[in-house]
Structure formats: C-alpha cells, structure tokens
C-alpha cells in the first residue's frame, strides 16, 4: 500500500494538522475578534491552496463542472465557513484541549449522516469506536 493512496495516512495527517490548527489559532486569537481571525485564516488558505493547485498542474476550468458538483461544493463551503466561525469563537473563550475534542463530535455525526444519506454501513467495531468518541465528548461537556 503506497503512502499516496493510503486513506489512513492522509486522515492521520489531517488530524496532525488539525491539532496544529487548534494550537496556532488559540495563540493567534489573542487580541483579535474571532470572526476577523477566521477571515485572515481563510484568505491564507485561498492563497496557499491556489498556488498549490496551479503549481501541481491540477487547475481545470471550474465552469466545466456539473451543476450538482457546484451545488454540493457550495453547500460544503458554507458548512465549512459556519464550522470555522463557531470553532474560532469556541477557541476564543474556551480551552483548546476541550474545544478541539468536542469539535470532533463531528465524527459521530458524519457516521450517522453517512449511514442515513450515503448508505455506508460501519461494522460493530467501528460503531464501538464512534460511540466511545461520543461518550468522550459527553464527559468533556459535563460541568465539574
């Protein structure tokens, strides 16, 4: 199994960079409004990702995409933006070590949504792991 085609490798790298995102954002949010910080973060992402796509020869005509592709990528972008605004607001007022794990409750929701809308069927072992993540979020959310 090559690294480039290994989904687990890329998912683990995503988790690594998401962890850095939380730490860097928490430090960067000092003295700035969380919404403005989200705007800066988004601008950086646009510039870096555009350069990456062009440099790797992956640029294609966006107007050649199907309407369904545009619709769902637009919905995904709107959901991402809403998630980032909420995440940065939570980081601004909460501990990164609590906010980031609660944010990962999305794992539970993704499993449920994938089951309902995409027909995915995780096995018992996967559901156990998903349940454990959900339980961890509940523990983090309980007041002392």
N, C-alpha and C. Protein backbone atom coordinates (compact mmCIF):
# COMPACT_ATOMS: atom_id res chain seq x y z
N UNK A 1 0.85 -1.18 0.00
CA UNK A 1 0.00 0.00 0.00
C UNK A 1 0.90 1.24 0.00
N UNK A 2 0.76 2.08 -1.01
CA UNK A 2 1.58 3.28 -1.11
C UNK A 2 1.03 4.38 -0.22
N UNK A 3 1.92 5.26 0.18
CA UNK A 3 1.51 6.36 1.04
C UNK A 3 0.50 7.27 0.34
N UNK A 4 0.72 7.56 -0.95
CA UNK A 4 -0.15 8.48 -1.67
C UNK A 4 -1.59 7.97 -1.75
N UNK A 5 -1.79 6.66 -1.79
CA UNK A 5 -3.12 6.10 -1.91
C UNK A 5 -3.67 5.55 -0.61
N UNK A 6 -2.98 5.78 0.49
CA UNK A 6 -3.39 5.23 1.78
C UNK A 6 -4.28 6.24 2.50
N UNK A 7 -5.56 5.95 2.57
CA UNK A 7 -6.51 6.89 3.20
C UNK A 7 -6.16 7.14 4.66
N UNK A 8 -5.68 6.11 5.36
CA UNK A 8 -5.39 6.27 6.77
C UNK A 8 -4.23 7.24 6.99
N UNK A 9 -3.22 7.17 6.13
CA UNK A 9 -2.10 8.10 6.22
C UNK A 9 -2.59 9.54 6.11
N UNK A 10 -3.42 9.80 5.09
CA UNK A 10 -3.92 11.16 4.86
C UNK A 10 -4.86 11.60 5.98
N UNK A 11 -5.66 10.69 6.51
CA UNK A 11 -6.54 11.03 7.63
C UNK A 11 -5.72 11.36 8.88
N UNK A 12 -4.64 10.60 9.11
CA UNK A 12 -3.77 10.87 10.25
C UNK A 12 -3.06 12.21 10.08
N UNK A 13 -2.64 12.52 8.87
CA UNK A 13 -2.01 13.81 8.61
C UNK A 13 -3.02 14.94 8.83
N UNK A 14 -4.26 14.71 8.44
CA UNK A 14 -5.31 15.70 8.68
C UNK A 14 -5.47 15.95 10.17
N UNK A 15 -5.47 14.88 10.96
CA UNK A 15 -5.59 15.02 12.42
C UNK A 15 -4.40 15.80 12.98
N UNK A 16 -3.20 15.50 12.48
CA UNK A 16 -2.00 16.19 12.93
C UNK A 16 -2.11 17.69 12.67
N UNK A 17 -2.48 18.04 11.42
CA UNK A 17 -2.58 19.46 11.07
C UNK A 17 -3.77 20.12 11.77
N UNK A 18 -4.85 19.39 12.00
CA UNK A 18 -5.98 19.94 12.76
C UNK A 18 -5.55 20.27 14.18
N UNK A 19 -4.70 19.42 14.76
CA UNK A 19 -4.20 19.70 16.10
C UNK A 19 -3.35 20.97 16.10
N UNK A 20 -2.48 21.10 15.11
CA UNK A 20 -1.68 22.33 15.00
C UNK A 20 -2.58 23.54 14.78
N UNK A 21 -3.65 23.37 14.00
CA UNK A 21 -4.59 24.45 13.75
C UNK A 21 -5.16 24.97 15.07
N UNK A 22 -5.56 24.07 15.94
CA UNK A 22 -6.14 24.48 17.22
C UNK A 22 -5.13 25.25 18.07
N UNK A 23 -3.92 24.75 18.13
CA UNK A 23 -2.90 25.39 18.96
C UNK A 23 -2.52 26.75 18.39
N UNK A 24 -2.21 26.79 17.08
CA UNK A 24 -1.82 28.06 16.45
C UNK A 24 -2.96 29.07 16.52
N UNK A 25 -4.20 28.62 16.31
CA UNK A 25 -5.35 29.53 16.35
C UNK A 25 -5.55 30.09 17.75
N UNK A 26 -5.45 29.24 18.76
CA UNK A 26 -5.64 29.69 20.14
C UNK A 26 -4.64 30.80 20.47
N UNK A 27 -3.39 30.61 20.05
CA UNK A 27 -2.36 31.63 20.29
C UNK A 27 -2.66 32.88 19.45
N UNK A 28 -3.05 32.69 18.20
CA UNK A 28 -3.31 33.80 17.29
C UNK A 28 -4.55 34.60 17.60
N UNK A 29 -5.47 34.02 18.36
CA UNK A 29 -6.72 34.71 18.68
C UNK A 29 -6.58 35.76 19.78
N UNK A 30 -5.42 35.83 20.40
CA UNK A 30 -5.21 36.81 21.46
C UNK A 30 -5.24 38.21 20.87
N UNK A 31 -6.18 39.01 21.34
CA UNK A 31 -6.25 40.40 20.93
C UNK A 31 -6.92 40.65 19.59
N UNK A 32 -7.66 39.66 19.07
CA UNK A 32 -8.34 39.86 17.79
C UNK A 32 -9.72 39.19 17.85
N UNK A 33 -10.68 39.77 17.16
CA UNK A 33 -12.02 39.20 17.07
C UNK A 33 -11.95 37.86 16.36
N UNK A 34 -12.69 36.89 16.84
CA UNK A 34 -12.63 35.54 16.26
C UNK A 34 -13.12 35.50 14.81
N UNK A 35 -14.11 36.31 14.46
CA UNK A 35 -14.60 36.32 13.08
C UNK A 35 -13.55 36.92 12.13
N UNK A 36 -12.89 37.98 12.58
CA UNK A 36 -11.83 38.58 11.76
C UNK A 36 -10.67 37.61 11.60
N UNK A 37 -10.35 36.89 12.68
CA UNK A 37 -9.29 35.88 12.61
C UNK A 37 -9.65 34.78 11.61
N UNK A 38 -10.91 34.40 11.58
CA UNK A 38 -11.37 33.39 10.62
C UNK A 38 -11.20 33.89 9.19
N UNK A 39 -11.49 35.16 8.96
CA UNK A 39 -11.30 35.76 7.64
C UNK A 39 -9.84 35.70 7.21
N UNK A 40 -8.93 36.05 8.12
CA UNK A 40 -7.50 36.00 7.81
C UNK A 40 -7.08 34.58 7.48
N UNK A 41 -7.51 33.64 8.30
CA UNK A 41 -7.19 32.22 8.07
C UNK A 41 -7.68 31.78 6.70
N UNK A 42 -8.89 32.16 6.36
CA UNK A 42 -9.48 31.77 5.08
C UNK A 42 -8.70 32.37 3.91
N UNK A 43 -8.30 33.63 4.04
CA UNK A 43 -7.51 34.28 2.97
C UNK A 43 -6.18 33.56 2.76
N UNK A 44 -5.55 33.17 3.85
CA UNK A 44 -4.29 32.42 3.74
C UNK A 44 -4.51 31.10 3.03
N UNK A 45 -5.57 30.41 3.40
CA UNK A 45 -5.89 29.13 2.77
C UNK A 45 -6.12 29.30 1.27
N UNK A 46 -6.87 30.33 0.88
CA UNK A 46 -7.14 30.57 -0.54
C UNK A 46 -5.84 30.78 -1.32
N UNK A 47 -4.97 31.62 -0.79
CA UNK A 47 -3.71 31.92 -1.48
C UNK A 47 -2.84 30.67 -1.59
N UNK A 48 -2.64 29.96 -0.48
CA UNK A 48 -1.76 28.79 -0.47
C UNK A 48 -2.34 27.67 -1.34
N UNK A 49 -3.62 27.40 -1.22
CA UNK A 49 -4.22 26.32 -1.99
C UNK A 49 -4.26 26.64 -3.48
N UNK A 50 -4.51 27.89 -3.84
CA UNK A 50 -4.47 28.28 -5.24
C UNK A 50 -3.07 28.05 -5.81
N UNK A 51 -2.05 28.48 -5.09
CA UNK A 51 -0.67 28.26 -5.55
C UNK A 51 -0.37 26.77 -5.68
N UNK A 52 -0.81 25.98 -4.73
CA UNK A 52 -0.58 24.53 -4.77
C UNK A 52 -1.25 23.89 -5.98
N UNK A 53 -2.52 24.22 -6.21
CA UNK A 53 -3.26 23.63 -7.33
C UNK A 53 -2.62 24.02 -8.66
N UNK A 54 -2.24 25.28 -8.82
CA UNK A 54 -1.59 25.73 -10.05
C UNK A 54 -0.23 25.07 -10.21
N UNK A 55 0.58 25.06 -9.15
CA UNK A 55 1.94 24.51 -9.22
C UNK A 55 1.96 23.02 -9.53
N UNK A 56 0.93 22.30 -9.08
CA UNK A 56 0.90 20.85 -9.33
C UNK A 56 0.15 20.50 -10.61
N UNK A 57 -0.28 21.51 -11.35
CA UNK A 57 -0.95 21.26 -12.63
C UNK A 57 -2.35 20.70 -12.48
N UNK A 58 -2.98 20.94 -11.37
CA UNK A 58 -4.33 20.40 -11.13
C UNK A 58 -5.44 21.40 -11.43
N UNK A 59 -5.09 22.59 -11.89
CA UNK A 59 -6.10 23.59 -12.22
C UNK A 59 -6.90 23.13 -13.43
N UNK A 60 -8.22 23.28 -13.36
CA UNK A 60 -9.08 23.00 -14.51
C UNK A 60 -10.16 24.07 -14.55
N UNK A 61 -10.90 24.10 -15.62
CA UNK A 61 -11.94 25.10 -15.80
C UNK A 61 -13.09 24.83 -14.82
N UNK A 62 -13.28 25.71 -13.83
CA UNK A 62 -14.35 25.46 -12.86
C UNK A 62 -15.74 25.55 -13.48
N UNK A 63 -15.86 26.25 -14.59
CA UNK A 63 -17.17 26.40 -15.23
C UNK A 63 -17.58 25.15 -16.00
N UNK A 64 -16.66 24.21 -16.13
CA UNK A 64 -16.98 22.95 -16.81
C UNK A 64 -17.57 21.92 -15.85
N UNK A 65 -17.62 22.24 -14.57
CA UNK A 65 -18.17 21.32 -13.58
C UNK A 65 -19.69 21.23 -13.70
N UNK A 66 -20.23 20.08 -13.34
CA UNK A 66 -21.67 19.89 -13.36
C UNK A 66 -22.35 20.74 -12.29
N UNK A 67 -23.62 21.06 -12.52
CA UNK A 67 -24.39 21.85 -11.55
C UNK A 67 -24.46 21.16 -10.19
N UNK A 68 -24.62 19.84 -10.18
CA UNK A 68 -24.67 19.09 -8.93
C UNK A 68 -23.36 19.25 -8.15
N UNK A 69 -22.24 19.22 -8.86
CA UNK A 69 -20.93 19.40 -8.22
C UNK A 69 -20.85 20.78 -7.60
N UNK A 70 -21.25 21.80 -8.35
CA UNK A 70 -21.25 23.17 -7.83
C UNK A 70 -22.13 23.29 -6.59
N UNK A 71 -23.33 22.70 -6.66
CA UNK A 71 -24.28 22.78 -5.55
C UNK A 71 -23.67 22.20 -4.27
N UNK A 72 -23.14 20.98 -4.36
CA UNK A 72 -22.66 20.33 -3.16
C UNK A 72 -21.33 20.88 -2.68
N UNK A 73 -20.48 21.35 -3.58
CA UNK A 73 -19.25 22.02 -3.13
C UNK A 73 -19.57 23.37 -2.49
N UNK A 74 -20.58 24.05 -3.00
CA UNK A 74 -21.02 25.31 -2.39
C UNK A 74 -21.60 25.05 -1.00
N UNK A 75 -22.46 24.05 -0.88
CA UNK A 75 -23.01 23.69 0.43
C UNK A 75 -21.90 23.29 1.40
N UNK A 76 -20.93 22.54 0.91
CA UNK A 76 -19.79 22.15 1.74
C UNK A 76 -19.00 23.38 2.19
N UNK A 77 -18.80 24.33 1.28
CA UNK A 77 -18.10 25.56 1.64
C UNK A 77 -18.85 26.37 2.67
N UNK A 78 -20.17 26.44 2.53
CA UNK A 78 -20.97 27.16 3.52
C UNK A 78 -20.90 26.48 4.89
N UNK A 79 -20.98 25.15 4.89
CA UNK A 79 -20.87 24.40 6.14
C UNK A 79 -19.48 24.58 6.76
N UNK A 80 -18.44 24.57 5.93
CA UNK A 80 -17.09 24.78 6.42
C UNK A 80 -16.95 26.15 7.05
N UNK A 81 -17.46 27.17 6.37
CA UNK A 81 -17.39 28.52 6.91
C UNK A 81 -18.11 28.64 8.24
N UNK A 82 -19.29 28.06 8.33
CA UNK A 82 -20.04 28.10 9.59
C UNK A 82 -19.28 27.35 10.69
N UNK A 83 -18.71 26.21 10.33
CA UNK A 83 -17.92 25.44 11.29
C UNK A 83 -16.73 26.25 11.80
N UNK A 84 -16.02 26.90 10.89
CA UNK A 84 -14.84 27.68 11.28
C UNK A 84 -15.21 28.86 12.18
N UNK A 85 -16.30 29.54 11.85
CA UNK A 85 -16.74 30.67 12.69
C UNK A 85 -17.05 30.16 14.10
N UNK A 86 -17.79 29.07 14.19
CA UNK A 86 -18.13 28.51 15.50
C UNK A 86 -16.89 28.01 16.23
N UNK A 87 -15.99 27.36 15.52
CA UNK A 87 -14.78 26.82 16.12
C UNK A 87 -13.89 27.93 16.69
N UNK A 88 -13.70 28.99 15.91
CA UNK A 88 -12.85 30.08 16.38
C UNK A 88 -13.48 30.81 17.56
N UNK A 89 -14.80 30.94 17.55
CA UNK A 89 -15.47 31.57 18.70
C UNK A 89 -15.29 30.70 19.95
N UNK A 90 -15.44 29.39 19.77
CA UNK A 90 -15.25 28.47 20.90
C UNK A 90 -13.80 28.53 21.41
N UNK A 91 -12.83 28.56 20.48
CA UNK A 91 -11.43 28.64 20.88
C UNK A 91 -11.12 29.95 21.60
N UNK A 92 -11.77 31.02 21.18
CA UNK A 92 -11.53 32.32 21.79
C UNK A 92 -11.90 32.30 23.27
N UNK A 93 -12.96 31.59 23.64
CA UNK A 93 -13.43 31.63 25.01
C UNK A 93 -13.18 30.34 25.80
N UNK A 94 -12.76 29.28 25.12
CA UNK A 94 -12.56 28.00 25.80
C UNK A 94 -11.15 27.48 25.66
N UNK A 95 -10.84 26.44 26.40
CA UNK A 95 -9.54 25.79 26.32
C UNK A 95 -9.45 24.95 25.05
N UNK A 96 -8.33 25.05 24.35
CA UNK A 96 -8.12 24.28 23.13
C UNK A 96 -8.23 22.78 23.40
N UNK A 97 -7.77 22.35 24.58
CA UNK A 97 -7.81 20.93 24.93
C UNK A 97 -9.22 20.42 25.16
N UNK A 98 -10.18 21.33 25.29
CA UNK A 98 -11.59 20.93 25.42
C UNK A 98 -12.36 21.20 24.13
N UNK A 99 -12.08 22.34 23.50
CA UNK A 99 -12.80 22.72 22.28
C UNK A 99 -12.54 21.73 21.15
N UNK A 100 -11.28 21.42 20.90
CA UNK A 100 -10.94 20.55 19.76
C UNK A 100 -11.59 19.16 19.87
N UNK A 101 -11.53 18.51 21.03
CA UNK A 101 -12.20 17.20 21.11
C UNK A 101 -13.71 17.29 20.91
N UNK A 102 -14.33 18.33 21.46
CA UNK A 102 -15.79 18.47 21.27
C UNK A 102 -16.10 18.71 19.79
N UNK A 103 -15.25 19.48 19.12
CA UNK A 103 -15.41 19.70 17.69
C UNK A 103 -15.38 18.37 16.93
N UNK A 104 -14.64 17.42 17.45
CA UNK A 104 -14.53 16.12 16.78
C UNK A 104 -15.78 15.26 16.98
N UNK A 105 -16.78 15.78 17.68
CA UNK A 105 -18.08 15.10 17.72
C UNK A 105 -18.63 14.99 16.31
N UNK A 106 -18.06 15.79 15.42
CA UNK A 106 -18.45 15.68 14.01
C UNK A 106 -18.23 14.26 13.51
N UNK A 107 -17.29 13.53 14.08
CA UNK A 107 -17.06 12.14 13.69
C UNK A 107 -18.33 11.31 13.89
N UNK A 108 -18.98 11.51 15.02
CA UNK A 108 -20.22 10.79 15.31
C UNK A 108 -21.30 11.20 14.30
N UNK A 109 -21.41 12.50 14.07
CA UNK A 109 -22.43 12.99 13.14
C UNK A 109 -22.15 12.53 11.71
N UNK A 110 -20.88 12.51 11.30
CA UNK A 110 -20.54 12.02 9.96
C UNK A 110 -20.96 10.56 9.81
N UNK A 111 -20.68 9.75 10.83
CA UNK A 111 -21.06 8.33 10.76
C UNK A 111 -22.57 8.18 10.61
N UNK A 112 -23.32 8.96 11.39
CA UNK A 112 -24.78 8.88 11.31
C UNK A 112 -25.27 9.38 9.95
N UNK A 113 -24.76 10.53 9.50
CA UNK A 113 -25.19 11.07 8.21
C UNK A 113 -24.79 10.15 7.06
N UNK A 114 -23.59 9.56 7.14
CA UNK A 114 -23.14 8.64 6.08
C UNK A 114 -24.03 7.39 6.05
N UNK A 115 -24.47 6.95 7.20
CA UNK A 115 -25.38 5.81 7.29
C UNK A 115 -26.71 6.14 6.64
N UNK A 116 -27.26 7.32 7.00
CA UNK A 116 -28.59 7.71 6.53
C UNK A 116 -28.58 8.12 5.06
N UNK A 117 -27.62 8.98 4.66
CA UNK A 117 -27.66 9.59 3.33
C UNK A 117 -26.80 8.90 2.28
N UNK A 118 -25.74 8.22 2.71
CA UNK A 118 -24.82 7.61 1.74
C UNK A 118 -24.89 6.09 1.72
N UNK A 119 -25.65 5.53 2.64
CA UNK A 119 -25.79 4.08 2.68
C UNK A 119 -24.56 3.35 3.21
N UNK A 120 -23.67 4.06 3.88
CA UNK A 120 -22.48 3.41 4.43
C UNK A 120 -22.89 2.60 5.65
N UNK A 121 -22.25 1.47 5.84
CA UNK A 121 -22.59 0.57 6.93
C UNK A 121 -21.34 0.19 7.73
N UNK A 122 -20.97 1.05 8.70
CA UNK A 122 -19.84 0.68 9.56
C UNK A 122 -20.13 -0.61 10.32
N UNK A 123 -19.07 -1.37 10.60
CA UNK A 123 -19.22 -2.60 11.36
C UNK A 123 -19.32 -2.32 12.84
N UNK A 124 -19.50 -3.38 13.63
CA UNK A 124 -19.65 -3.24 15.08
C UNK A 124 -18.41 -2.58 15.71
N UNK A 125 -17.24 -2.94 15.24
CA UNK A 125 -16.01 -2.36 15.79
C UNK A 125 -15.97 -0.85 15.54
N UNK A 126 -16.36 -0.43 14.33
CA UNK A 126 -16.38 0.99 14.01
C UNK A 126 -17.42 1.74 14.83
N UNK A 127 -18.62 1.14 14.98
CA UNK A 127 -19.66 1.79 15.79
C UNK A 127 -19.21 1.91 17.25
N UNK A 128 -18.47 0.91 17.75
CA UNK A 128 -17.96 0.98 19.12
C UNK A 128 -17.01 2.17 19.26
N UNK A 129 -16.11 2.33 18.30
CA UNK A 129 -15.18 3.47 18.34
C UNK A 129 -15.91 4.80 18.26
N UNK A 130 -16.91 4.86 17.40
CA UNK A 130 -17.71 6.08 17.25
C UNK A 130 -18.46 6.39 18.54
N UNK A 131 -19.02 5.36 19.16
CA UNK A 131 -19.72 5.52 20.43
C UNK A 131 -18.76 6.02 21.52
N UNK A 132 -17.53 5.51 21.52
CA UNK A 132 -16.53 5.94 22.50
C UNK A 132 -16.18 7.42 22.32
N UNK A 133 -16.07 7.85 21.07
CA UNK A 133 -15.81 9.27 20.82
C UNK A 133 -16.97 10.10 21.36
N UNK A 134 -18.19 9.68 21.06
CA UNK A 134 -19.37 10.39 21.57
C UNK A 134 -19.39 10.45 23.09
N UNK A 135 -19.06 9.34 23.73
CA UNK A 135 -19.02 9.31 25.19
C UNK A 135 -17.95 10.26 25.72
N UNK A 136 -16.82 10.31 25.04
CA UNK A 136 -15.75 11.23 25.44
C UNK A 136 -16.19 12.69 25.38
N UNK A 137 -16.95 13.02 24.36
CA UNK A 137 -17.46 14.39 24.23
C UNK A 137 -18.41 14.71 25.36
N UNK A 138 -19.27 13.76 25.71
CA UNK A 138 -20.20 13.96 26.83
C UNK A 138 -19.42 14.20 28.12
N UNK A 139 -18.38 13.41 28.36
CA UNK A 139 -17.57 13.58 29.57
C UNK A 139 -16.94 14.97 29.59
N UNK A 140 -16.40 15.42 28.46
CA UNK A 140 -15.79 16.75 28.39
C UNK A 140 -16.81 17.86 28.63
N UNK A 141 -18.05 17.63 28.21
CA UNK A 141 -19.08 18.66 28.32
C UNK A 141 -19.73 18.74 29.70
N UNK A 142 -19.50 17.75 30.54
CA UNK A 142 -20.10 17.76 31.87
C UNK A 142 -19.44 18.83 32.73
N UNK A 143 -20.25 19.51 33.51
CA UNK A 143 -19.74 20.52 34.44
C UNK A 143 -19.11 19.82 35.63
N UNK A 144 -18.10 20.48 36.19
CA UNK A 144 -17.43 19.90 37.37
C UNK A 144 -18.25 20.13 38.62
